[in-house]
Amino acid sequence: MPKLSLENKTDILAAIFLTGLITANLLGNKITTLLGISVSVAIFTYPLTFLMTDIIAEVHGKKKANSLILAGFVSLLILLGVTYLSIVLPANSRYPHNESYVTVFSSSVRIILASLIAFILSQIHDIWSFHFWKEKTKGKWLWLRNNASTVVSQFIDTVIFMFIAFYQVAPMFDFAFMWHMIIPYYLFKIAFALIDTPLVYLGVNWLKKSSQEQTK
């Protein structure tokens, strides 16, 4: 197997980023229970987006990370358009599941729209904050800027997403109830962010190894 170049490795991380983003939006309308708390199944893939952008930002810088965010934004726009088109197109008479299809993916449209807005705002903050702390620490303490940027960015993402996606979808989803959903979901995201800190170091070292080899 040929040795992976820096470009190859970066492309792999970008693919993981886009996979985490798109699967979270397509599958995220299902609610499961973890440790007695109701959370979206997107909790398993969406944190990957912050992990990948932090790794790429550390090695390639702000410009490359912002390019990745733009790619993600365009992907969500396309996903939103195709999902809406798929819903409104009439079903073939031989397709018996159109009602279920429309029910499932109609909720996905609102979730994708919510994610689109929350994603762009939270990711822009994440990249800005990551480089802010990198400058403050003079390039030291990767664990600090990784977690400091993600903690705030995930809060922005969670609050914006939950309100747009679920506020008043049913009578019980009032302002107070939204915070009962937001807080535990946010805490789960933070727990995932803390757990993935070693993965940030592994990813950065993996990329930097190829970068160093190319400069020799």
N, C-alpha and C. Protein backbone atom coordinates (compact mmCIF):
# COMPACT_ATOMS: atom_id res chain seq x y z
N MET A 1 0.84 -1.20 0.00
CA MET A 1 0.00 0.00 0.00
C MET A 1 0.88 1.25 0.00
N PRO A 2 0.64 2.20 -0.91
CA PRO A 2 1.50 3.40 -0.97
C PRO A 2 1.35 4.26 0.28
N LYS A 3 2.42 4.96 0.60
CA LYS A 3 2.40 5.83 1.78
C LYS A 3 1.49 7.02 1.52
N LEU A 4 0.69 7.35 2.51
CA LEU A 4 -0.24 8.47 2.37
C LEU A 4 0.49 9.80 2.50
N SER A 5 0.21 10.71 1.59
CA SER A 5 0.81 12.04 1.65
C SER A 5 -0.01 12.92 2.59
N LEU A 6 0.49 14.13 2.85
CA LEU A 6 -0.23 15.09 3.68
C LEU A 6 -1.59 15.41 3.06
N GLU A 7 -1.61 15.55 1.75
CA GLU A 7 -2.86 15.85 1.05
C GLU A 7 -3.86 14.70 1.18
N ASN A 8 -3.36 13.45 1.05
CA ASN A 8 -4.22 12.28 1.19
C ASN A 8 -4.84 12.23 2.59
N LYS A 9 -4.03 12.45 3.59
CA LYS A 9 -4.51 12.39 4.97
C LYS A 9 -5.52 13.50 5.26
N THR A 10 -5.25 14.68 4.72
CA THR A 10 -6.18 15.79 4.91
C THR A 10 -7.52 15.49 4.26
N ASP A 11 -7.48 14.88 3.09
CA ASP A 11 -8.71 14.50 2.39
C ASP A 11 -9.51 13.48 3.20
N ILE A 12 -8.82 12.56 3.84
CA ILE A 12 -9.49 11.55 4.68
C ILE A 12 -10.20 12.22 5.86
N LEU A 13 -9.52 13.17 6.50
CA LEU A 13 -10.13 13.88 7.62
C LEU A 13 -11.32 14.71 7.15
N ALA A 14 -11.20 15.31 5.97
CA ALA A 14 -12.32 16.08 5.41
C ALA A 14 -13.51 15.16 5.12
N ALA A 15 -13.23 13.95 4.64
CA ALA A 15 -14.30 12.99 4.37
C ALA A 15 -15.00 12.58 5.66
N ILE A 16 -14.23 12.39 6.73
CA ILE A 16 -14.83 12.06 8.03
C ILE A 16 -15.69 13.22 8.52
N PHE A 17 -15.21 14.44 8.32
CA PHE A 17 -15.95 15.64 8.70
C PHE A 17 -17.31 15.68 7.99
N LEU A 18 -17.30 15.52 6.68
CA LEU A 18 -18.54 15.59 5.90
C LEU A 18 -19.47 14.42 6.22
N THR A 19 -18.90 13.25 6.46
CA THR A 19 -19.71 12.09 6.83
C THR A 19 -20.42 12.33 8.16
N GLY A 20 -19.67 12.83 9.14
CA GLY A 20 -20.27 13.12 10.44
C GLY A 20 -21.36 14.16 10.34
N LEU A 21 -21.13 15.17 9.51
CA LEU A 21 -22.10 16.25 9.36
C LEU A 21 -23.38 15.78 8.69
N ILE A 22 -23.25 15.06 7.58
CA ILE A 22 -24.43 14.65 6.81
C ILE A 22 -25.21 13.56 7.53
N THR A 23 -24.53 12.58 8.11
CA THR A 23 -25.25 11.51 8.81
C THR A 23 -25.98 12.05 10.04
N ALA A 24 -25.39 13.03 10.71
CA ALA A 24 -26.06 13.63 11.87
C ALA A 24 -27.36 14.29 11.46
N ASN A 25 -27.37 14.90 10.29
CA ASN A 25 -28.57 15.58 9.81
C ASN A 25 -29.62 14.61 9.28
N LEU A 26 -29.20 13.55 8.62
CA LEU A 26 -30.16 12.59 8.09
C LEU A 26 -30.76 11.71 9.18
N LEU A 27 -29.95 11.35 10.16
CA LEU A 27 -30.39 10.39 11.18
C LEU A 27 -30.77 11.04 12.51
N GLY A 28 -30.49 12.34 12.65
CA GLY A 28 -30.60 12.99 13.95
C GLY A 28 -31.99 13.20 14.49
N ASN A 29 -33.04 12.91 13.69
CA ASN A 29 -34.39 13.11 14.22
C ASN A 29 -34.86 11.96 15.10
N LYS A 30 -34.02 10.92 15.21
CA LYS A 30 -34.35 9.84 16.14
C LYS A 30 -33.78 10.15 17.51
N ILE A 31 -34.60 10.00 18.54
CA ILE A 31 -34.18 10.24 19.92
C ILE A 31 -33.97 8.91 20.61
N THR A 32 -32.83 8.78 21.27
CA THR A 32 -32.54 7.58 22.06
C THR A 32 -32.32 7.99 23.51
N THR A 33 -32.02 7.02 24.36
CA THR A 33 -31.79 7.30 25.78
C THR A 33 -30.42 6.80 26.18
N LEU A 34 -29.60 7.70 26.71
CA LEU A 34 -28.28 7.36 27.22
C LEU A 34 -28.20 7.78 28.68
N LEU A 35 -27.92 6.81 29.54
CA LEU A 35 -27.82 7.09 30.98
C LEU A 35 -29.07 7.79 31.51
N GLY A 36 -30.22 7.40 30.97
CA GLY A 36 -31.48 7.96 31.42
C GLY A 36 -31.83 9.31 30.83
N ILE A 37 -31.01 9.79 29.87
CA ILE A 37 -31.23 11.11 29.28
C ILE A 37 -31.58 10.96 27.81
N SER A 38 -32.60 11.69 27.36
CA SER A 38 -33.02 11.66 25.96
C SER A 38 -32.08 12.51 25.11
N VAL A 39 -31.45 11.89 24.12
CA VAL A 39 -30.54 12.61 23.23
C VAL A 39 -30.75 12.14 21.80
N SER A 40 -30.40 12.98 20.85
CA SER A 40 -30.46 12.61 19.44
C SER A 40 -29.32 11.64 19.13
N VAL A 41 -29.58 10.72 18.20
CA VAL A 41 -28.52 9.78 17.80
C VAL A 41 -27.39 10.51 17.07
N ALA A 42 -27.60 11.78 16.73
CA ALA A 42 -26.54 12.58 16.12
C ALA A 42 -25.36 12.78 17.06
N ILE A 43 -25.57 12.51 18.34
CA ILE A 43 -24.50 12.68 19.32
C ILE A 43 -23.29 11.80 18.99
N PHE A 44 -23.51 10.73 18.20
CA PHE A 44 -22.42 9.82 17.88
C PHE A 44 -21.57 10.29 16.70
N THR A 45 -22.11 11.19 15.88
CA THR A 45 -21.36 11.60 14.69
C THR A 45 -21.07 13.10 14.63
N TYR A 46 -21.97 13.93 15.15
CA TYR A 46 -21.76 15.37 15.00
C TYR A 46 -20.49 15.88 15.69
N PRO A 47 -20.12 15.37 16.88
CA PRO A 47 -18.87 15.83 17.50
C PRO A 47 -17.64 15.61 16.63
N LEU A 48 -17.73 14.69 15.67
CA LEU A 48 -16.60 14.47 14.75
C LEU A 48 -16.26 15.72 13.96
N THR A 49 -17.27 16.56 13.70
CA THR A 49 -17.01 17.75 12.89
C THR A 49 -16.08 18.71 13.61
N PHE A 50 -16.27 18.89 14.91
CA PHE A 50 -15.39 19.78 15.68
C PHE A 50 -14.00 19.17 15.84
N LEU A 51 -13.96 17.86 16.00
CA LEU A 51 -12.67 17.16 16.11
C LEU A 51 -11.84 17.34 14.85
N MET A 52 -12.46 17.14 13.69
CA MET A 52 -11.74 17.24 12.42
C MET A 52 -11.28 18.68 12.13
N THR A 53 -12.15 19.66 12.40
CA THR A 53 -11.74 21.05 12.12
C THR A 53 -10.60 21.48 13.04
N ASP A 54 -10.59 21.01 14.28
CA ASP A 54 -9.50 21.37 15.19
C ASP A 54 -8.18 20.77 14.74
N ILE A 55 -8.22 19.54 14.28
CA ILE A 55 -6.99 18.89 13.79
C ILE A 55 -6.46 19.62 12.56
N ILE A 56 -7.34 19.91 11.63
CA ILE A 56 -6.92 20.58 10.40
C ILE A 56 -6.48 22.02 10.67
N ALA A 57 -7.18 22.71 11.58
CA ALA A 57 -6.79 24.08 11.93
C ALA A 57 -5.41 24.11 12.57
N GLU A 58 -5.11 23.12 13.38
CA GLU A 58 -3.81 23.09 14.07
C GLU A 58 -2.65 22.91 13.09
N VAL A 59 -2.85 22.07 12.09
CA VAL A 59 -1.76 21.75 11.16
C VAL A 59 -1.74 22.71 9.97
N HIS A 60 -2.90 22.98 9.39
CA HIS A 60 -2.97 23.75 8.15
C HIS A 60 -3.30 25.23 8.36
N GLY A 61 -3.86 25.57 9.51
CA GLY A 61 -4.19 26.96 9.76
C GLY A 61 -5.65 27.30 9.52
N LYS A 62 -5.99 28.56 9.81
CA LYS A 62 -7.37 29.02 9.77
C LYS A 62 -7.97 28.96 8.37
N LYS A 63 -7.19 29.30 7.35
CA LYS A 63 -7.74 29.36 5.98
C LYS A 63 -8.25 28.00 5.52
N LYS A 64 -7.47 26.95 5.75
CA LYS A 64 -7.88 25.60 5.35
C LYS A 64 -9.09 25.15 6.14
N ALA A 65 -9.12 25.45 7.44
CA ALA A 65 -10.26 25.05 8.27
C ALA A 65 -11.54 25.75 7.82
N ASN A 66 -11.42 27.03 7.46
CA ASN A 66 -12.59 27.76 6.96
C ASN A 66 -13.08 27.20 5.62
N SER A 67 -12.15 26.73 4.80
CA SER A 67 -12.54 26.10 3.53
C SER A 67 -13.34 24.83 3.78
N LEU A 68 -12.95 24.10 4.82
CA LEU A 68 -13.67 22.88 5.19
C LEU A 68 -15.08 23.21 5.66
N ILE A 69 -15.20 24.28 6.45
CA ILE A 69 -16.52 24.71 6.92
C ILE A 69 -17.40 25.12 5.75
N LEU A 70 -16.83 25.83 4.78
CA LEU A 70 -17.59 26.22 3.59
C LEU A 70 -18.08 24.98 2.83
N ALA A 71 -17.21 23.98 2.71
CA ALA A 71 -17.61 22.73 2.04
C ALA A 71 -18.77 22.07 2.78
N GLY A 72 -18.71 22.09 4.10
CA GLY A 72 -19.79 21.52 4.89
C GLY A 72 -21.09 22.29 4.71
N PHE A 73 -21.00 23.61 4.66
CA PHE A 73 -22.17 24.46 4.46
C PHE A 73 -22.83 24.18 3.11
N VAL A 74 -22.02 24.07 2.07
CA VAL A 74 -22.54 23.77 0.73
C VAL A 74 -23.19 22.39 0.72
N SER A 75 -22.56 21.42 1.39
CA SER A 75 -23.11 20.06 1.46
C SER A 75 -24.49 20.07 2.11
N LEU A 76 -24.65 20.84 3.18
CA LEU A 76 -25.95 20.92 3.85
C LEU A 76 -26.99 21.60 2.98
N LEU A 77 -26.58 22.62 2.23
CA LEU A 77 -27.51 23.29 1.32
C LEU A 77 -28.03 22.31 0.26
N ILE A 78 -27.11 21.53 -0.29
CA ILE A 78 -27.49 20.53 -1.30
C ILE A 78 -28.40 19.48 -0.67
N LEU A 79 -28.03 19.02 0.52
CA LEU A 79 -28.83 18.02 1.22
C LEU A 79 -30.24 18.54 1.50
N LEU A 80 -30.33 19.80 1.92
CA LEU A 80 -31.63 20.41 2.20
C LEU A 80 -32.48 20.46 0.94
N GLY A 81 -31.89 20.90 -0.17
CA GLY A 81 -32.63 21.00 -1.42
C GLY A 81 -33.10 19.66 -1.95
N VAL A 82 -32.20 18.67 -1.91
CA VAL A 82 -32.55 17.34 -2.43
C VAL A 82 -33.59 16.67 -1.53
N THR A 83 -33.46 16.85 -0.22
CA THR A 83 -34.44 16.27 0.70
C THR A 83 -35.82 16.85 0.47
N TYR A 84 -35.90 18.17 0.31
CA TYR A 84 -37.19 18.82 0.07
C TYR A 84 -37.78 18.35 -1.26
N LEU A 85 -36.95 18.28 -2.29
CA LEU A 85 -37.42 17.83 -3.60
C LEU A 85 -37.94 16.39 -3.52
N SER A 86 -37.25 15.54 -2.79
CA SER A 86 -37.65 14.14 -2.65
C SER A 86 -39.00 14.01 -1.96
N ILE A 87 -39.28 14.93 -1.05
CA ILE A 87 -40.55 14.89 -0.32
C ILE A 87 -41.72 15.32 -1.21
N VAL A 88 -41.52 16.38 -1.97
CA VAL A 88 -42.64 16.95 -2.73
C VAL A 88 -42.92 16.21 -4.04
N LEU A 89 -41.95 15.47 -4.56
CA LEU A 89 -42.19 14.72 -5.78
C LEU A 89 -43.25 13.64 -5.53
N PRO A 90 -44.19 13.47 -6.44
CA PRO A 90 -45.21 12.44 -6.25
C PRO A 90 -44.60 11.04 -6.31
N ALA A 91 -45.14 10.16 -5.48
CA ALA A 91 -44.62 8.79 -5.43
C ALA A 91 -45.20 7.96 -6.57
N ASN A 92 -44.41 7.03 -7.05
CA ASN A 92 -44.89 6.07 -8.03
C ASN A 92 -45.97 5.19 -7.39
N SER A 93 -46.94 4.78 -8.17
CA SER A 93 -48.05 3.98 -7.65
C SER A 93 -47.57 2.65 -7.06
N ARG A 94 -46.40 2.20 -7.48
CA ARG A 94 -45.87 0.93 -6.96
C ARG A 94 -45.10 1.10 -5.66
N TYR A 95 -44.91 2.36 -5.24
CA TYR A 95 -44.16 2.60 -4.00
C TYR A 95 -45.16 2.78 -2.85
N PRO A 96 -45.22 1.82 -1.91
CA PRO A 96 -46.27 1.83 -0.90
C PRO A 96 -45.93 2.59 0.39
N HIS A 97 -44.74 3.13 0.48
CA HIS A 97 -44.31 3.70 1.76
C HIS A 97 -44.17 5.22 1.75
N ASN A 98 -44.84 5.88 0.82
CA ASN A 98 -44.64 7.32 0.67
C ASN A 98 -45.04 8.11 1.92
N GLU A 99 -46.13 7.70 2.57
CA GLU A 99 -46.59 8.42 3.76
C GLU A 99 -45.53 8.38 4.87
N SER A 100 -44.97 7.21 5.09
CA SER A 100 -43.91 7.07 6.10
C SER A 100 -42.67 7.84 5.69
N TYR A 101 -42.35 7.78 4.40
CA TYR A 101 -41.19 8.50 3.87
C TYR A 101 -41.31 10.00 4.12
N VAL A 102 -42.48 10.55 3.79
CA VAL A 102 -42.72 11.98 3.97
C VAL A 102 -42.68 12.35 5.44
N THR A 103 -43.25 11.50 6.30
CA THR A 103 -43.25 11.77 7.74
C THR A 103 -41.83 11.86 8.29
N VAL A 104 -41.00 10.90 7.91
CA VAL A 104 -39.62 10.86 8.41
C VAL A 104 -38.81 12.03 7.88
N PHE A 105 -38.85 12.24 6.58
CA PHE A 105 -37.96 13.23 5.99
C PHE A 105 -38.48 14.66 6.06
N SER A 106 -39.76 14.85 6.35
CA SER A 106 -40.27 16.20 6.58
C SER A 106 -39.66 16.78 7.84
N SER A 107 -39.53 15.94 8.86
CA SER A 107 -38.87 16.41 10.08
C SER A 107 -37.39 16.66 9.83
N SER A 108 -36.82 15.92 8.89
CA SER A 108 -35.41 16.11 8.57
C SER A 108 -35.17 17.48 7.94
N VAL A 109 -36.14 18.00 7.18
CA VAL A 109 -35.98 19.31 6.55
C VAL A 109 -35.78 20.39 7.61
N ARG A 110 -36.62 20.38 8.65
CA ARG A 110 -36.48 21.37 9.72
C ARG A 110 -35.16 21.17 10.46
N ILE A 111 -34.78 19.92 10.68
CA ILE A 111 -33.53 19.64 11.37
C ILE A 111 -32.32 20.09 10.54
N ILE A 112 -32.36 19.84 9.25
CA ILE A 112 -31.26 20.25 8.38
C ILE A 112 -31.14 21.78 8.36
N LEU A 113 -32.28 22.47 8.29
CA LEU A 113 -32.27 23.93 8.30
C LEU A 113 -31.70 24.46 9.62
N ALA A 114 -32.14 23.85 10.72
CA ALA A 114 -31.61 24.25 12.03
C ALA A 114 -30.12 23.99 12.12
N SER A 115 -29.71 22.83 11.63
CA SER A 115 -28.30 22.47 11.66
C SER A 115 -27.46 23.39 10.79
N LEU A 116 -28.03 23.79 9.65
CA LEU A 116 -27.32 24.67 8.72
C LEU A 116 -26.95 25.98 9.40
N ILE A 117 -27.91 26.58 10.09
CA ILE A 117 -27.68 27.85 10.77
C ILE A 117 -26.75 27.67 11.97
N ALA A 118 -27.04 26.64 12.78
CA ALA A 118 -26.22 26.40 13.97
C ALA A 118 -24.79 26.02 13.59
N PHE A 119 -24.66 25.23 12.54
CA PHE A 119 -23.35 24.76 12.09
C PHE A 119 -22.44 25.92 11.69
N ILE A 120 -22.92 26.81 10.83
CA ILE A 120 -22.05 27.86 10.32
C ILE A 120 -21.64 28.82 11.43
N LEU A 121 -22.57 29.15 12.33
CA LEU A 121 -22.24 30.09 13.42
C LEU A 121 -21.29 29.46 14.43
N SER A 122 -21.55 28.22 14.81
CA SER A 122 -20.71 27.57 15.82
C SER A 122 -19.32 27.24 15.28
N GLN A 123 -19.25 26.82 14.01
CA GLN A 123 -17.94 26.46 13.44
C GLN A 123 -17.07 27.69 13.21
N ILE A 124 -17.68 28.80 12.80
CA ILE A 124 -16.92 30.04 12.64
C ILE A 124 -16.33 30.45 13.99
N HIS A 125 -17.15 30.35 15.04
CA HIS A 125 -16.65 30.67 16.38
C HIS A 125 -15.55 29.70 16.79
N ASP A 126 -15.73 28.41 16.49
CA ASP A 126 -14.76 27.40 16.90
C ASP A 126 -13.39 27.68 16.31
N ILE A 127 -13.34 28.00 15.02
CA ILE A 127 -12.06 28.28 14.37
C ILE A 127 -11.45 29.56 14.94
N TRP A 128 -12.28 30.60 15.10
CA TRP A 128 -11.77 31.84 15.66
C TRP A 128 -11.21 31.63 17.07
N SER A 129 -11.98 30.93 17.90
CA SER A 129 -11.57 30.70 19.28
C SER A 129 -10.33 29.83 19.36
N PHE A 130 -10.26 28.81 18.51
CA PHE A 130 -9.10 27.92 18.50
C PHE A 130 -7.83 28.70 18.25
N HIS A 131 -7.84 29.60 17.26
CA HIS A 131 -6.65 30.37 16.94
C HIS A 131 -6.40 31.50 17.95
N PHE A 132 -7.47 31.98 18.57
CA PHE A 132 -7.30 32.96 19.64
C PHE A 132 -6.49 32.37 20.79
N TRP A 133 -6.87 31.15 21.21
CA TRP A 133 -6.15 30.51 22.31
C TRP A 133 -4.76 30.03 21.88
N LYS A 134 -4.62 29.71 20.59
CA LYS A 134 -3.29 29.31 20.10
C LYS A 134 -2.32 30.48 20.19
N GLU A 135 -2.79 31.67 19.86
CA GLU A 135 -1.94 32.87 19.97
C GLU A 135 -1.65 33.20 21.43
N LYS A 136 -2.67 33.08 22.28
CA LYS A 136 -2.50 33.41 23.70
C LYS A 136 -1.50 32.47 24.38
N THR A 137 -1.50 31.19 23.98
CA THR A 137 -0.62 30.21 24.61
C THR A 137 0.67 30.01 23.82
N LYS A 138 0.85 30.85 22.76
CA LYS A 138 2.06 30.78 21.93
C LYS A 138 2.28 29.37 21.36
N GLY A 139 1.19 28.74 20.93
CA GLY A 139 1.28 27.45 20.28
C GLY A 139 1.39 26.27 21.23
N LYS A 140 1.34 26.51 22.54
CA LYS A 140 1.43 25.42 23.52
C LYS A 140 0.02 24.98 23.93
N TRP A 141 -0.05 23.86 24.67
CA TRP A 141 -1.29 23.40 25.30
C TRP A 141 -2.42 23.20 24.29
N LEU A 142 -2.19 22.30 23.36
CA LEU A 142 -3.21 21.97 22.37
C LEU A 142 -4.52 21.54 23.03
N TRP A 143 -4.41 20.80 24.13
CA TRP A 143 -5.61 20.33 24.82
C TRP A 143 -6.48 21.48 25.30
N LEU A 144 -5.84 22.61 25.68
CA LEU A 144 -6.59 23.76 26.19
C LEU A 144 -7.38 24.43 25.08
N ARG A 145 -6.72 24.73 23.95
CA ARG A 145 -7.45 25.41 22.88
C ARG A 145 -8.48 24.51 22.22
N ASN A 146 -8.19 23.21 22.17
CA ASN A 146 -9.16 22.27 21.62
C ASN A 146 -10.45 22.28 22.45
N ASN A 147 -10.32 22.18 23.76
CA ASN A 147 -11.50 22.11 24.62
C ASN A 147 -12.13 23.48 24.87
N ALA A 148 -11.31 24.53 25.00
CA ALA A 148 -11.85 25.86 25.25
C ALA A 148 -12.70 26.33 24.06
N SER A 149 -12.23 26.06 22.86
CA SER A 149 -13.00 26.46 21.67
C SER A 149 -14.26 25.61 21.52
N THR A 150 -14.14 24.31 21.77
CA THR A 150 -15.27 23.41 21.57
C THR A 150 -16.36 23.61 22.61
N VAL A 151 -15.99 23.87 23.86
CA VAL A 151 -17.00 24.03 24.92
C VAL A 151 -17.97 25.16 24.58
N VAL A 152 -17.45 26.31 24.17
CA VAL A 152 -18.31 27.44 23.83
C VAL A 152 -19.03 27.20 22.51
N SER A 153 -18.32 26.67 21.53
CA SER A 153 -18.92 26.44 20.21
C SER A 153 -20.06 25.43 20.27
N GLN A 154 -19.90 24.40 21.07
CA GLN A 154 -20.96 23.40 21.21
C GLN A 154 -22.18 23.99 21.91
N PHE A 155 -21.95 24.93 22.82
CA PHE A 155 -23.09 25.60 23.48
C PHE A 155 -23.87 26.43 22.45
N ILE A 156 -23.14 27.19 21.64
CA ILE A 156 -23.78 27.98 20.58
C ILE A 156 -24.56 27.07 19.65
N ASP A 157 -23.92 26.00 19.22
CA ASP A 157 -24.55 25.07 18.29
C ASP A 157 -25.80 24.44 18.89
N THR A 158 -25.70 23.98 20.13
CA THR A 158 -26.81 23.27 20.76
C THR A 158 -28.02 24.17 20.96
N VAL A 159 -27.80 25.38 21.48
CA VAL A 159 -28.91 26.30 21.75
C VAL A 159 -29.62 26.70 20.45
N ILE A 160 -28.85 27.10 19.45
CA ILE A 160 -29.45 27.53 18.19
C ILE A 160 -30.17 26.37 17.51
N PHE A 161 -29.52 25.22 17.46
CA PHE A 161 -30.12 24.06 16.80
C PHE A 161 -31.41 23.63 17.48
N MET A 162 -31.38 23.47 18.79
CA MET A 162 -32.55 22.96 19.51
C MET A 162 -33.75 23.88 19.38
N PHE A 163 -33.52 25.19 19.45
CA PHE A 163 -34.64 26.12 19.36
C PHE A 163 -35.25 26.14 17.95
N ILE A 164 -34.39 26.13 16.93
CA ILE A 164 -34.92 26.15 15.57
C ILE A 164 -35.57 24.81 15.22
N ALA A 165 -34.98 23.71 15.66
CA ALA A 165 -35.47 22.39 15.28
C ALA A 165 -36.71 21.96 16.06
N PHE A 166 -36.81 22.34 17.34
CA PHE A 166 -37.85 21.74 18.17
C PHE A 166 -38.78 22.72 18.89
N TYR A 167 -38.46 24.01 18.92
CA TYR A 167 -39.28 24.95 19.68
C TYR A 167 -40.72 24.98 19.15
N GLN A 168 -41.65 24.66 20.03
CA GLN A 168 -43.08 24.67 19.76
C GLN A 168 -43.51 23.70 18.64
N VAL A 169 -42.75 22.63 18.44
CA VAL A 169 -43.22 21.59 17.51
C VAL A 169 -44.41 20.85 18.13
N ALA A 170 -44.53 20.93 19.45
CA ALA A 170 -45.67 20.39 20.20
C ALA A 170 -45.91 21.34 21.37
N PRO A 171 -47.12 21.33 21.96
CA PRO A 171 -47.43 22.27 23.05
C PRO A 171 -46.44 22.22 24.23
N MET A 172 -45.89 21.04 24.50
CA MET A 172 -44.98 20.93 25.65
C MET A 172 -43.60 21.53 25.37
N PHE A 173 -43.27 21.78 24.10
CA PHE A 173 -41.95 22.29 23.75
C PHE A 173 -41.92 23.81 23.88
N ASP A 174 -42.14 24.27 25.12
CA ASP A 174 -42.10 25.71 25.38
C ASP A 174 -40.68 26.13 25.76
N PHE A 175 -40.49 27.40 26.11
CA PHE A 175 -39.15 27.93 26.38
C PHE A 175 -38.46 27.19 27.52
N ALA A 176 -39.20 26.95 28.61
CA ALA A 176 -38.60 26.28 29.77
C ALA A 176 -38.21 24.84 29.44
N PHE A 177 -39.10 24.14 28.71
CA PHE A 177 -38.82 22.75 28.38
C PHE A 177 -37.61 22.62 27.46
N MET A 178 -37.41 23.61 26.59
CA MET A 178 -36.27 23.58 25.69
C MET A 178 -34.96 23.49 26.46
N TRP A 179 -34.88 24.21 27.58
CA TRP A 179 -33.65 24.18 28.36
C TRP A 179 -33.46 22.85 29.08
N HIS A 180 -34.56 22.17 29.38
CA HIS A 180 -34.46 20.83 29.96
C HIS A 180 -33.88 19.85 28.93
N MET A 181 -34.08 20.12 27.66
CA MET A 181 -33.49 19.31 26.59
C MET A 181 -32.05 19.74 26.29
N ILE A 182 -31.84 21.05 26.27
CA ILE A 182 -30.55 21.60 25.87
C ILE A 182 -29.43 21.23 26.83
N ILE A 183 -29.66 21.43 28.12
CA ILE A 183 -28.58 21.26 29.11
C ILE A 183 -28.00 19.85 29.12
N PRO A 184 -28.82 18.78 29.26
CA PRO A 184 -28.21 17.44 29.25
C PRO A 184 -27.57 17.08 27.93
N TYR A 185 -28.19 17.51 26.81
CA TYR A 185 -27.62 17.24 25.49
C TYR A 185 -26.27 17.92 25.34
N TYR A 186 -26.18 19.16 25.82
CA TYR A 186 -24.92 19.91 25.78
C TYR A 186 -23.85 19.23 26.63
N LEU A 187 -24.23 18.76 27.81
CA LEU A 187 -23.27 18.10 28.69
C LEU A 187 -22.73 16.81 28.07
N PHE A 188 -23.59 16.10 27.34
CA PHE A 188 -23.13 14.91 26.63
C PHE A 188 -22.09 15.30 25.57
N LYS A 189 -22.35 16.40 24.86
CA LYS A 189 -21.41 16.86 23.84
C LYS A 189 -20.06 17.22 24.46
N ILE A 190 -20.10 17.87 25.62
CA ILE A 190 -18.86 18.25 26.29
C ILE A 190 -18.10 17.02 26.75
N ALA A 191 -18.83 16.01 27.24
CA ALA A 191 -18.18 14.77 27.66
C ALA A 191 -17.47 14.12 26.46
N PHE A 192 -18.14 14.10 25.30
CA PHE A 192 -17.52 13.56 24.09
C PHE A 192 -16.29 14.38 23.71
N ALA A 193 -16.37 15.70 23.86
CA ALA A 193 -15.25 16.56 23.50
C ALA A 193 -14.03 16.28 24.39
N LEU A 194 -14.27 16.06 25.67
CA LEU A 194 -13.18 15.77 26.59
C LEU A 194 -12.56 14.40 26.29
N ILE A 195 -13.42 13.45 25.97
CA ILE A 195 -12.94 12.10 25.67
C ILE A 195 -12.09 12.08 24.40
N ASP A 196 -12.46 12.93 23.42
CA ASP A 196 -11.73 12.86 22.14
C ASP A 196 -10.44 13.67 22.12
N THR A 197 -10.05 14.28 23.25
CA THR A 197 -8.81 15.06 23.30
C THR A 197 -7.58 14.24 22.86
N PRO A 198 -7.44 12.99 23.32
CA PRO A 198 -6.31 12.19 22.81
C PRO A 198 -6.35 12.00 21.30
N LEU A 199 -7.56 11.94 20.73
CA LEU A 199 -7.69 11.78 19.28
C LEU A 199 -7.20 13.02 18.54
N VAL A 200 -7.34 14.18 19.15
CA VAL A 200 -6.82 15.41 18.55
C VAL A 200 -5.31 15.32 18.44
N TYR A 201 -4.66 14.89 19.52
CA TYR A 201 -3.21 14.75 19.50
C TYR A 201 -2.76 13.71 18.47
N LEU A 202 -3.48 12.59 18.40
CA LEU A 202 -3.13 11.56 17.43
C LEU A 202 -3.28 12.07 16.00
N GLY A 203 -4.40 12.78 15.75
CA GLY A 203 -4.64 13.31 14.42
C GLY A 203 -3.63 14.35 14.00
N VAL A 204 -3.28 15.23 14.92
CA VAL A 204 -2.29 16.28 14.63
C VAL A 204 -0.92 15.66 14.35
N ASN A 205 -0.52 14.71 15.19
CA ASN A 205 0.77 14.05 14.98
C ASN A 205 0.79 13.27 13.66
N TRP A 206 -0.33 12.66 13.31
CA TRP A 206 -0.47 11.91 12.06
C TRP A 206 -0.27 12.82 10.85
N LEU A 207 -0.88 13.99 10.90
CA LEU A 207 -0.72 14.94 9.80
C LEU A 207 0.68 15.55 9.77
N LYS A 208 1.18 15.93 10.94
CA LYS A 208 2.48 16.60 10.99
C LYS A 208 3.60 15.69 10.53
N LYS A 209 3.44 14.38 10.74
CA LYS A 209 4.46 13.44 10.30
C LYS A 209 4.63 13.51 8.79
N SER A 210 3.51 13.55 8.07
CA SER A 210 3.58 13.66 6.60
C SER A 210 4.12 15.01 6.17
N SER A 211 3.74 16.06 6.90
CA SER A 211 4.20 17.40 6.59
C SER A 211 5.72 17.50 6.72
N GLN A 212 6.25 16.90 7.80
CA GLN A 212 7.69 16.93 8.05
C GLN A 212 8.44 16.12 7.00
N GLU A 213 7.84 14.99 6.59
CA GLU A 213 8.49 14.15 5.59
C GLU A 213 8.57 14.85 4.23
N GLN A 214 7.56 15.65 3.92
CA GLN A 214 7.53 16.35 2.63
C GLN A 214 8.54 17.50 2.58
N THR A 215 8.92 18.02 3.75
CA THR A 215 9.85 19.14 3.78
C THR A 215 11.30 18.67 3.81
N LYS A 216 11.51 17.37 3.95
CA LYS A 216 12.88 16.86 3.99
C LYS A 216 13.49 16.84 2.58
